[in-house]
Amino acid sequence: MLARQIEPDWVIIDERLARRVAFAMGLPVKGTLGILLAAVLAGLLSRQEALDDLQRLLARGIRIAPRWQHWFRTELRRESAENRA
């Protein structure tokens, strides 16, 4: 499998079963929200842009479990608080 050969920082997978397989193979996994959070942490997106992107995904019918939406918002708040400190 290519991902094991190139040893990426992470593989981007949102589908639950595929994530489980990737984890079982020892691959680092990020989903859409993880990528958005990484972009905020890297200074590529603002917190508000990331929240707006989440809303756009939901408006287009992308299903994101409420617990993951809550996780994402919590992480963004935490990052925002750490930057103010």
Protein backbone atom coordinates (compact mmCIF):
# COMPACT_ATOMS: atom_id res chain seq x y z
CA MET A 1 0.00 0.00 0.00
CA LEU A 2 1.35 3.39 -1.03
CA ALA A 3 0.59 5.10 2.29
CA ARG A 4 2.81 2.65 4.16
CA GLN A 5 5.63 3.07 1.63
CA ILE A 6 5.77 6.85 1.70
CA GLU A 7 5.15 7.19 5.47
CA PRO A 8 2.93 10.30 5.34
CA ASP A 9 2.33 12.68 8.22
CA TRP A 10 -1.28 11.51 7.92
CA VAL A 11 -3.80 10.00 5.55
CA ILE A 12 -7.07 11.85 4.97
CA ILE A 13 -10.05 9.59 5.53
CA ASP A 14 -13.54 10.41 6.78
CA GLU A 15 -15.34 7.11 6.25
CA ARG A 16 -15.56 5.14 9.51
CA LEU A 17 -14.60 1.67 8.26
CA ALA A 18 -11.67 2.98 6.24
CA ARG A 19 -10.43 4.90 9.28
CA ARG A 20 -10.53 1.73 11.37
CA VAL A 21 -8.53 -0.15 8.74
CA ALA A 22 -5.98 2.67 8.53
CA PHE A 23 -5.62 2.78 12.33
CA ALA A 24 -5.19 -0.99 12.41
CA MET A 25 -2.41 -0.62 9.85
CA GLY A 26 -0.69 1.96 12.03
CA LEU A 27 -1.36 4.86 9.69
CA PRO A 28 -1.89 8.33 11.14
CA VAL A 29 -5.41 9.45 10.17
CA LYS A 30 -7.03 12.85 9.87
CA GLY A 31 -10.49 13.63 8.63
CA THR A 32 -11.91 16.82 7.17
CA LEU A 33 -12.22 18.53 10.54
CA GLY A 34 -8.69 17.54 11.47
CA ILE A 35 -7.42 19.12 8.26
CA LEU A 36 -9.36 22.32 8.97
CA LEU A 37 -7.95 22.42 12.50
CA ALA A 38 -4.42 21.82 11.19
CA ALA A 39 -4.91 24.74 8.78
CA VAL A 40 -5.92 27.00 11.68
CA LEU A 41 -2.94 25.88 13.76
CA ALA A 42 -0.63 26.54 10.80
CA GLY A 43 -2.07 30.02 10.34
CA LEU A 44 -3.57 29.20 6.95
CA LEU A 45 -7.15 29.75 8.09
CA SER A 46 -8.64 31.90 10.81
CA ARG A 47 -10.85 30.37 13.45
CA GLN A 48 -13.87 32.04 11.85
CA GLU A 49 -12.96 30.78 8.38
CA ALA A 50 -12.76 27.24 9.73
CA LEU A 51 -16.16 27.59 11.40
CA ASP A 52 -17.59 29.01 8.17
CA ASP A 53 -16.14 26.06 6.26
CA LEU A 54 -17.81 23.66 8.70
CA GLN A 55 -21.15 25.40 8.12
CA ARG A 56 -20.67 25.21 4.34
CA LEU A 57 -19.99 21.49 4.55
CA LEU A 58 -23.12 20.93 6.62
CA ALA A 59 -25.21 23.13 4.31
CA ARG A 60 -24.09 21.00 1.34
CA GLY A 61 -25.30 17.86 3.03
CA ILE A 62 -21.98 16.54 4.29
CA ARG A 63 -22.80 14.48 7.37
CA ILE A 64 -20.61 15.20 10.36
CA ALA A 65 -21.65 13.68 13.66
CA PRO A 66 -22.62 16.22 16.33
CA ARG A 67 -19.89 14.88 18.64
CA TRP A 68 -17.24 15.70 16.01
CA GLN A 69 -18.72 19.14 15.43
CA HIS A 70 -18.55 19.72 19.18
CA TRP A 71 -14.95 18.43 19.29
CA PHE A 72 -13.98 20.78 16.45
CA ARG A 73 -15.54 23.85 18.06
CA THR A 74 -13.94 22.96 21.41
CA GLU A 75 -10.51 22.61 19.83
CA LEU A 76 -10.91 25.94 18.03
CA ARG A 77 -11.92 27.65 21.29
CA ARG A 78 -8.96 26.06 23.07
CA GLU A 79 -6.59 27.26 20.36
CA SER A 80 -8.09 30.73 20.49
CA ALA A 81 -7.71 30.86 24.29
CA GLU A 82 -4.10 29.67 24.12
CA ASN A 83 -3.26 32.38 21.59
CA ARG A 84 -4.71 35.06 23.86
CA ALA A 85 -2.74 33.84 26.89
